Each structure stands twice: as structure tokens, then as C-alpha cells.
C-alpha atoms as a PDB file:
ATOM      1  CA  MET A   1      64.708 128.190 -23.150  1.00  0.00           C
ATOM      2  CA  SER A   2      66.649 124.992 -23.558  1.00  0.00           C
ATOM      3  CA  ILE A   3      68.501 122.561 -21.351  1.00  0.00           C
ATOM      4  CA  LYS A   4      71.965 121.220 -22.146  1.00  0.00           C
ATOM      5  CA  ILE A   5      73.301 118.260 -20.198  1.00  0.00           C
ATOM      6  CA  VAL A   6      77.056 117.684 -20.393  1.00  0.00           C
ATOM      7  CA  GLY A   7      78.719 114.394 -19.470  1.00  0.00           C
ATOM      8  CA  GLY A   8      77.475 111.262 -17.803  1.00  0.00           C
ATOM      9  CA  ILE A   9      76.997 107.663 -18.888  1.00  0.00           C
ATOM     10  CA  VAL A  10      74.134 105.854 -20.608  1.00  0.00           C
ATOM     11  CA  SER A  11      73.646 102.095 -20.507  1.00  0.00           C
ATOM     12  CA  LEU A  12      71.103  99.745 -22.003  1.00  0.00           C
ATOM     13  CA  THR A  13      68.527  98.745 -19.360  1.00  0.00           C
ATOM     14  CA  THR A  14      68.402  95.162 -20.635  1.00  0.00           C
ATOM     15  CA  ASN A  15      72.202  94.808 -20.774  1.00  0.00           C
ATOM     16  CA  PRO A  16      74.153  97.254 -18.565  1.00  0.00           C
ATOM     17  CA  LYS A  17      77.432  96.164 -20.214  1.00  0.00           C
ATOM     18  CA  VAL A  18      76.303  98.075 -23.330  1.00  0.00           C
ATOM     19  CA  LYS A  19      77.213 101.606 -22.321  1.00  0.00           C
ATOM     20  CA  ALA A  20      78.631 104.841 -23.671  1.00  0.00           C
ATOM     21  CA  ILE A  21      79.991 108.141 -22.379  1.00  0.00           C
ATOM     22  CA  VAL A  22      77.681 111.087 -23.016  1.00  0.00           C
ATOM     23  CA  ASN A  23      79.138 114.169 -24.656  1.00  0.00           C
ATOM     24  CA  THR A  24      75.922 116.254 -24.539  1.00  0.00           C
ATOM     25  CA  ILE A  25      72.161 115.937 -24.445  1.00  0.00           C
ATOM     26  CA  ASP A  26      70.329 119.005 -25.751  1.00  0.00           C
ATOM     27  CA  PHE A  27      66.659 119.494 -24.931  1.00  0.00           C
ATOM     28  CA  PRO A  28      65.553 122.513 -27.024  1.00  0.00           C
ATOM     29  CA  ASN A  29      62.499 124.578 -26.034  1.00  0.00           C
ATOM     30  CA  VAL A  30      62.279 122.903 -22.615  1.00  0.00           C
ATOM     31  CA  ASN A  31      62.255 124.477 -19.149  1.00  0.00           C
ATOM     32  CA  ARG A  32      63.371 122.672 -16.023  1.00  0.00           C
ATOM     33  CA  VAL A  33      60.660 121.438 -13.673  1.00  0.00           C
ATOM     34  CA  HIS A  34      61.804 121.315 -10.043  1.00  0.00           C
ATOM     35  CA  GLY A  35      65.384 121.567 -11.317  1.00  0.00           C
ATOM     36  CA  GLN A  36      65.133 118.616 -13.708  1.00  0.00           C
ATOM     37  CA  VAL A  37      64.418 117.850 -17.341  1.00  0.00           C
ATOM     38  CA  PRO A  38      60.689 117.048 -17.444  1.00  0.00           C
ATOM     39  CA  ILE A  39      59.438 113.613 -18.425  1.00  0.00           C
ATOM     40  CA  GLY A  40      58.358 113.657 -22.057  1.00  0.00           C
ATOM     41  CA  ALA A  41      61.043 116.167 -23.095  1.00  0.00           C
ATOM     42  CA  GLN A  42      62.620 115.345 -26.454  1.00  0.00           C
ATOM     43  CA  GLY A  43      66.246 116.032 -27.240  1.00  0.00           C
ATOM     44  CA  VAL A  44      69.384 115.087 -29.127  1.00  0.00           C
ATOM     45  CA  MET A  45      72.046 112.974 -27.415  1.00  0.00           C
ATOM     46  CA  VAL A  46      75.633 112.901 -28.679  1.00  0.00           C
ATOM     47  CA  ILE A  47      77.909 110.236 -27.209  1.00  0.00           C
ATOM     48  CA  LYS A  48      81.713 110.159 -27.234  1.00  0.00           C
ATOM     49  CA  ASN A  49      82.062 106.518 -28.225  1.00  0.00           C
ATOM     50  CA  VAL A  50      80.048 103.894 -30.060  1.00  0.00           C
ATOM     51  CA  PRO A  51      78.622 101.591 -27.363  1.00  0.00           C
ATOM     52  CA  ASP A  52      80.478  98.387 -26.532  1.00  0.00           C
ATOM     53  CA  HIS A  53      79.044  95.134 -27.903  1.00  0.00           C
ATOM     54  CA  GLN A  54      76.205  96.704 -29.963  1.00  0.00           C
ATOM     55  CA  ASN A  55      74.780 100.040 -31.041  1.00  0.00           C
ATOM     56  CA  PHE A  56      71.659 101.654 -29.605  1.00  0.00           C
ATOM     57  CA  VAL A  57      68.552 101.346 -31.791  1.00  0.00           C
ATOM     58  CA  PRO A  58      65.069 102.944 -31.761  1.00  0.00           C
ATOM     59  CA  GLY A  59      62.997 101.642 -28.874  1.00  0.00           C
ATOM     60  CA  ASN A  60      65.993 100.991 -26.609  1.00  0.00           C
ATOM     61  CA  ILE A  61      65.545 102.259 -23.058  1.00  0.00           C
ATOM     62  CA  LEU A  62      68.715 103.741 -21.611  1.00  0.00           C
ATOM     63  CA  ASN A  63      69.655 104.476 -18.016  1.00  0.00           C
ATOM     64  CA  TYR A  64      71.417 107.832 -17.717  1.00  0.00           C
ATOM     65  CA  ARG A  65      73.495 108.873 -14.729  1.00  0.00           C
ATOM     66  CA  ASP A  66      75.663 111.920 -14.296  1.00  0.00           C
ATOM     67  CA  SER A  67      79.137 111.825 -12.779  1.00  0.00           C
ATOM     68  CA  ASN A  68      77.754 112.658  -9.318  1.00  0.00           C
ATOM     69  CA  ASN A  69      74.870 110.169  -9.490  1.00  0.00           C
ATOM     70  CA  ASN A  70      72.529 113.103  -8.811  1.00  0.00           C
ATOM     71  CA  ASN A  71      70.598 113.254 -12.063  1.00  0.00           C
ATOM     72  CA  ASN A  72      69.566 109.729 -12.918  1.00  0.00           C
ATOM     73  CA  ALA A  73      66.947 109.312 -15.646  1.00  0.00           C
ATOM     74  CA  GLN A  74      65.636 106.957 -18.290  1.00  0.00           C
ATOM     75  CA  LEU A  75      65.810 107.884 -21.951  1.00  0.00           C
ATOM     76  CA  THR A  76      64.134 106.136 -24.872  1.00  0.00           C
ATOM     77  CA  VAL A  77      65.891 106.159 -28.243  1.00  0.00           C
ATOM     78  CA  ASN A  78      63.505 107.537 -30.885  1.00  0.00           C
ATOM     79  CA  SER A  79      65.834 107.457 -33.876  1.00  0.00           C
ATOM     80  CA  VAL A  80      69.474 107.157 -34.859  1.00  0.00           C
ATOM     81  CA  VAL A  81      70.871 110.312 -36.486  1.00  0.00           C
ATOM     82  CA  GLY A  82      74.435 108.973 -36.828  1.00  0.00           C
ATOM     83  CA  PRO A  83      76.777 106.462 -35.195  1.00  0.00           C
ATOM     84  CA  THR A  84      77.094 108.637 -32.080  1.00  0.00           C
ATOM     85  CA  LYS A  85      73.986 110.859 -32.344  1.00  0.00           C
ATOM     86  CA  TYR A  86      70.432 109.955 -31.290  1.00  0.00           C
ATOM     87  CA  ASN A  87      67.013 111.540 -30.887  1.00  0.00           C
ATOM     88  CA  VAL A  88      65.800 110.656 -27.378  1.00  0.00           C
ATOM     89  CA  THR A  89      62.872 111.256 -25.027  1.00  0.00           C
ATOM     90  CA  ARG A  90      63.110 111.378 -21.230  1.00  0.00           C
ATOM     91  CA  THR A  91      60.688 108.676 -20.118  1.00  0.00           C
ATOM     92  CA  ALA A  92      61.424 108.372 -16.384  1.00  0.00           C
END
């Protein structure tokens, strides 16, 4: 089983002006817990645009929110795969 999240926005917790539009976040081999991606799940996030002002780097904590503000979460950047692709972990 895997979970694919489509859309939403991520922003840097320390500087909310640094934000990007999410294309997808794929969490392979993960099942939903109470309808949500479980904390500790690792996945790959692809964004539509390079963030304004600066790029995300490993260790950055990002606030994620979907278009309905229903599925808010925190993601930690583990590594940068490309200019718009990141390995992330759901941390809250």
C-alpha cells in the first residue's frame, strides 16, 4: 500500500514567506492511520516551483497544508534529490 498526496502548499517554519506549491508527495509502503499519513512515514515530495527567496535544504522543517486546510502536517527535509524533488519525513 502507498499514499499519494496531490496538491497543497509547503512553507518553511522559520520563514513562512519561503513557500512552494506541492505537485505530489508519495509515501510508498505506508498505510493510513485514522485516515492520515502516520508520523515517521518517509516519502518523496515534488513541488511545482522552486521556493521563493531560497531553496529547501536537509534539516528544514516545512509546514504542509492542503487546499481545504484539512490535512495540515509538518515535514522534515531529509535530502534534496533535485531542484524540485525532496526526500521528506512526516514529523508532526
